[in-house]
C-alpha atoms as a PDB file:
ATOM      1  CA  UNK A   1      92.601-220.567  60.704  1.00  0.00           C
ATOM      2  CA  UNK A   2      89.307-218.732  60.259  1.00  0.00           C
ATOM      3  CA  UNK A   3      87.195-219.371  63.351  1.00  0.00           C
ATOM      4  CA  UNK A   4      83.452-219.135  63.962  1.00  0.00           C
ATOM      5  CA  UNK A   5      82.168-215.926  65.574  1.00  0.00           C
ATOM      6  CA  UNK A   6      80.944-216.302  69.171  1.00  0.00           C
ATOM      7  CA  UNK A   7      77.460-214.912  69.912  1.00  0.00           C
ATOM      8  CA  UNK A   8      76.919-216.263  73.449  1.00  0.00           C
ATOM      9  CA  UNK A   9      76.510-213.127  75.582  1.00  0.00           C
ATOM     10  CA  UNK A  10      77.184-215.025  78.819  1.00  0.00           C
ATOM     11  CA  UNK A  11      80.603-216.067  77.485  1.00  0.00           C
ATOM     12  CA  UNK A  12      81.287-212.618  76.010  1.00  0.00           C
ATOM     13  CA  UNK A  13      80.500-210.969  79.376  1.00  0.00           C
ATOM     14  CA  UNK A  14      83.380-212.793  81.110  1.00  0.00           C
ATOM     15  CA  UNK A  15      86.573-210.900  81.845  1.00  0.00           C
ATOM     16  CA  UNK A  16      89.425-212.364  79.798  1.00  0.00           C
ATOM     17  CA  UNK A  17      92.443-214.067  81.358  1.00  0.00           C
ATOM     18  CA  UNK A  18      95.967-212.784  80.732  1.00  0.00           C
ATOM     19  CA  UNK A  19      97.561-214.111  77.555  1.00  0.00           C
ATOM     20  CA  UNK A  20     100.883-215.992  77.615  1.00  0.00           C
ATOM     21  CA  UNK A  21     103.322-217.115  74.930  1.00  0.00           C
ATOM     22  CA  UNK A  22     101.244-220.289  74.615  1.00  0.00           C
ATOM     23  CA  UNK A  23      98.488-218.071  73.193  1.00  0.00           C
ATOM     24  CA  UNK A  24     100.492-216.916  70.149  1.00  0.00           C
ATOM     25  CA  UNK A  25      98.420-219.148  67.796  1.00  0.00           C
ATOM     26  CA  UNK A  26      95.265-217.317  68.913  1.00  0.00           C
ATOM     27  CA  UNK A  27      96.643-214.131  67.355  1.00  0.00           C
ATOM     28  CA  UNK A  28      97.003-215.835  63.973  1.00  0.00           C
ATOM     29  CA  UNK A  29      93.456-217.224  64.175  1.00  0.00           C
ATOM     30  CA  UNK A  30      92.200-213.728  65.026  1.00  0.00           C
ATOM     31  CA  UNK A  31      94.095-212.218  62.080  1.00  0.00           C
ATOM     32  CA  UNK A  32      92.737-214.875  59.711  1.00  0.00           C
ATOM     33  CA  UNK A  33      89.186-214.394  61.003  1.00  0.00           C
ATOM     34  CA  UNK A  34      89.433-210.594  60.836  1.00  0.00           C
ATOM     35  CA  UNK A  35      90.694-210.785  57.251  1.00  0.00           C
ATOM     36  CA  UNK A  36      87.767-213.064  56.355  1.00  0.00           C
ATOM     37  CA  UNK A  37      85.347-210.434  57.731  1.00  0.00           C
ATOM     38  CA  UNK A  38      87.213-207.324  56.541  1.00  0.00           C
ATOM     39  CA  UNK A  39      84.159-205.968  54.717  1.00  0.00           C
ATOM     40  CA  UNK A  40      82.240-205.520  57.980  1.00  0.00           C
ATOM     41  CA  UNK A  41      84.839-205.656  60.748  1.00  0.00           C
ATOM     42  CA  UNK A  42      87.903-203.607  61.736  1.00  0.00           C
ATOM     43  CA  UNK A  43      88.937-205.322  64.971  1.00  0.00           C
ATOM     44  CA  UNK A  44      88.486-208.475  67.009  1.00  0.00           C
ATOM     45  CA  UNK A  45      89.138-209.765  70.505  1.00  0.00           C
ATOM     46  CA  UNK A  46      89.887-213.407  71.330  1.00  0.00           C
ATOM     47  CA  UNK A  47      86.543-213.934  73.065  1.00  0.00           C
ATOM     48  CA  UNK A  48      84.840-213.235  69.729  1.00  0.00           C
ATOM     49  CA  UNK A  49      86.283-216.552  68.502  1.00  0.00           C
ATOM     50  CA  UNK A  50      85.529-218.405  71.733  1.00  0.00           C
ATOM     51  CA  UNK A  51      88.883-217.946  73.512  1.00  0.00           C
ATOM     52  CA  UNK A  52      88.810-216.174  76.877  1.00  0.00           C
ATOM     53  CA  UNK A  53      92.254-214.539  76.627  1.00  0.00           C
ATOM     54  CA  UNK A  54      93.410-210.894  76.470  1.00  0.00           C
ATOM     55  CA  UNK A  55      94.385-210.757  72.802  1.00  0.00           C
ATOM     56  CA  UNK A  56      93.145-208.207  70.265  1.00  0.00           C
ATOM     57  CA  UNK A  57      93.789-207.496  66.588  1.00  0.00           C
ATOM     58  CA  UNK A  58      92.725-204.417  64.656  1.00  0.00           C
ATOM     59  CA  UNK A  59      93.184-202.358  61.526  1.00  0.00           C
ATOM     60  CA  UNK A  60      95.834-199.754  62.353  1.00  0.00           C
ATOM     61  CA  UNK A  61      95.480-197.404  59.398  1.00  0.00           C
ATOM     62  CA  UNK A  62      95.656-200.156  56.790  1.00  0.00           C
ATOM     63  CA  UNK A  63      97.917-202.649  58.605  1.00  0.00           C
ATOM     64  CA  UNK A  64      96.692-205.252  61.055  1.00  0.00           C
ATOM     65  CA  UNK A  65      98.204-204.996  64.534  1.00  0.00           C
ATOM     66  CA  UNK A  66      98.199-207.538  67.380  1.00  0.00           C
ATOM     67  CA  UNK A  67      98.208-206.701  71.089  1.00  0.00           C
ATOM     68  CA  UNK A  68      98.560-209.119  73.971  1.00  0.00           C
ATOM     69  CA  UNK A  69      97.264-207.982  77.383  1.00  0.00           C
ATOM     70  CA  UNK A  70      96.361-204.425  76.309  1.00  0.00           C
ATOM     71  CA  UNK A  71      95.409-201.833  78.906  1.00  0.00           C
ATOM     72  CA  UNK A  72      94.518-198.183  78.489  1.00  0.00           C
ATOM     73  CA  UNK A  73      96.802-196.195  80.778  1.00  0.00           C
ATOM     74  CA  UNK A  74      95.821-192.664  79.694  1.00  0.00           C
ATOM     75  CA  UNK A  75      92.804-191.195  77.920  1.00  0.00           C
ATOM     76  CA  UNK A  76      91.517-187.762  76.960  1.00  0.00           C
ATOM     77  CA  UNK A  77      88.628-186.002  75.228  1.00  0.00           C
ATOM     78  CA  UNK A  78      85.527-188.160  75.818  1.00  0.00           C
ATOM     79  CA  UNK A  79      82.739-188.431  73.241  1.00  0.00           C
ATOM     80  CA  UNK A  80      79.715-190.607  72.481  1.00  0.00           C
ATOM     81  CA  UNK A  81      79.901-193.150  69.644  1.00  0.00           C
ATOM     82  CA  UNK A  82      77.477-195.570  68.008  1.00  0.00           C
ATOM     83  CA  UNK A  83      79.056-198.986  67.402  1.00  0.00           C
ATOM     84  CA  UNK A  84      78.201-202.365  65.968  1.00  0.00           C
ATOM     85  CA  UNK A  85      79.859-205.714  66.603  1.00  0.00           C
ATOM     86  CA  UNK A  86      80.090-209.035  64.748  1.00  0.00           C
ATOM     87  CA  UNK A  87      79.253-210.852  67.986  1.00  0.00           C
ATOM     88  CA  UNK A  88      76.162-208.772  68.817  1.00  0.00           C
ATOM     89  CA  UNK A  89      73.147-207.677  66.794  1.00  0.00           C
ATOM     90  CA  UNK A  90      72.378-204.025  66.138  1.00  0.00           C
ATOM     91  CA  UNK A  91      74.318-200.991  67.306  1.00  0.00           C
ATOM     92  CA  UNK A  92      74.853-199.507  70.746  1.00  0.00           C
ATOM     93  CA  UNK A  93      76.040-196.219  72.180  1.00  0.00           C
ATOM     94  CA  UNK A  94      79.432-196.209  73.870  1.00  0.00           C
ATOM     95  CA  UNK A  95      81.563-193.609  75.643  1.00  0.00           C
ATOM     96  CA  UNK A  96      84.908-193.324  73.892  1.00  0.00           C
ATOM     97  CA  UNK A  97      88.027-191.169  74.113  1.00  0.00           C
ATOM     98  CA  UNK A  98      89.638-189.333  71.175  1.00  0.00           C
ATOM     99  CA  UNK A  99      93.154-190.111  72.405  1.00  0.00           C
ATOM    100  CA  UNK A 100      94.368-193.150  74.359  1.00  0.00           C
ATOM    101  CA  UNK A 101      97.751-194.420  75.498  1.00  0.00           C
ATOM    102  CA  UNK A 102      97.917-198.219  75.563  1.00  0.00           C
ATOM    103  CA  UNK A 103     100.317-200.505  77.397  1.00  0.00           C
ATOM    104  CA  UNK A 104     100.493-203.906  75.711  1.00  0.00           C
ATOM    105  CA  UNK A 105     102.797-206.753  74.813  1.00  0.00           C
ATOM    106  CA  UNK A 106     103.892-207.509  71.258  1.00  0.00           C
ATOM    107  CA  UNK A 107     104.344-210.964  69.702  1.00  0.00           C
ATOM    108  CA  UNK A 108     107.660-211.360  71.575  1.00  0.00           C
ATOM    109  CA  UNK A 109     105.843-210.430  74.802  1.00  0.00           C
ATOM    110  CA  UNK A 110     107.880-207.254  75.128  1.00  0.00           C
ATOM    111  CA  UNK A 111     105.976-204.465  76.894  1.00  0.00           C
ATOM    112  CA  UNK A 112     105.244-201.482  74.680  1.00  0.00           C
ATOM    113  CA  UNK A 113     103.406-198.165  75.023  1.00  0.00           C
ATOM    114  CA  UNK A 114     101.735-196.402  72.114  1.00  0.00           C
ATOM    115  CA  UNK A 115      99.315-193.499  71.758  1.00  0.00           C
ATOM    116  CA  UNK A 116      96.418-193.808  69.326  1.00  0.00           C
ATOM    117  CA  UNK A 117      93.881-191.209  68.213  1.00  0.00           C
ATOM    118  CA  UNK A 118      90.643-190.983  66.273  1.00  0.00           C
ATOM    119  CA  UNK A 119      89.152-194.026  64.571  1.00  0.00           C
ATOM    120  CA  UNK A 120      92.008-196.372  65.523  1.00  0.00           C
ATOM    121  CA  UNK A 121      91.644-195.366  69.178  1.00  0.00           C
ATOM    122  CA  UNK A 122      87.909-196.101  69.004  1.00  0.00           C
ATOM    123  CA  UNK A 123      88.520-199.578  67.549  1.00  0.00           C
ATOM    124  CA  UNK A 124      91.038-200.408  70.283  1.00  0.00           C
ATOM    125  CA  UNK A 125      88.670-199.235  73.010  1.00  0.00           C
ATOM    126  CA  UNK A 126      85.929-201.475  71.618  1.00  0.00           C
ATOM    127  CA  UNK A 127      88.230-204.506  71.613  1.00  0.00           C
ATOM    128  CA  UNK A 128      89.585-203.799  75.102  1.00  0.00           C
ATOM    129  CA  UNK A 129      85.955-203.616  76.286  1.00  0.00           C
ATOM    130  CA  UNK A 130      85.618-207.182  74.966  1.00  0.00           C
ATOM    131  CA  UNK A 131      88.615-208.177  77.119  1.00  0.00           C
ATOM    132  CA  UNK A 132      86.906-206.639  80.128  1.00  0.00           C
ATOM    133  CA  UNK A 133      83.648-208.480  79.451  1.00  0.00           C
ATOM    134  CA  UNK A 134      81.847-205.254  78.554  1.00  0.00           C
ATOM    135  CA  UNK A 135      79.034-205.769  76.047  1.00  0.00           C
ATOM    136  CA  UNK A 136      78.690-202.539  74.135  1.00  0.00           C
END
């Protein structure tokens, strides 16, 4: 189900709670909402649709990917980026890393590790910031 985008900065600044198997439907709502905004959005976190859980979805080189409880466990090559967000007006500068290794859980809540680079890594970092309550 396509959900409304959250703009309340007080809500968005809260750190998200860990996701559980009961939160699987949130992933589908995020995917539906991301697809509805695909012209101006490449990733979303659950708090962007008003759910304070650690769930993100993003465009992984043309295919949407879901992560439950993602955490960056390794990062290298910092740089400065300029980013926008559906939940916030304008753009903001953010420190990003060219390469990140992420620990997350898939839809079966199996723990996985994957390294991402470039644009995909930047998207993931933005969405994990949402999970941490960081307003970029």
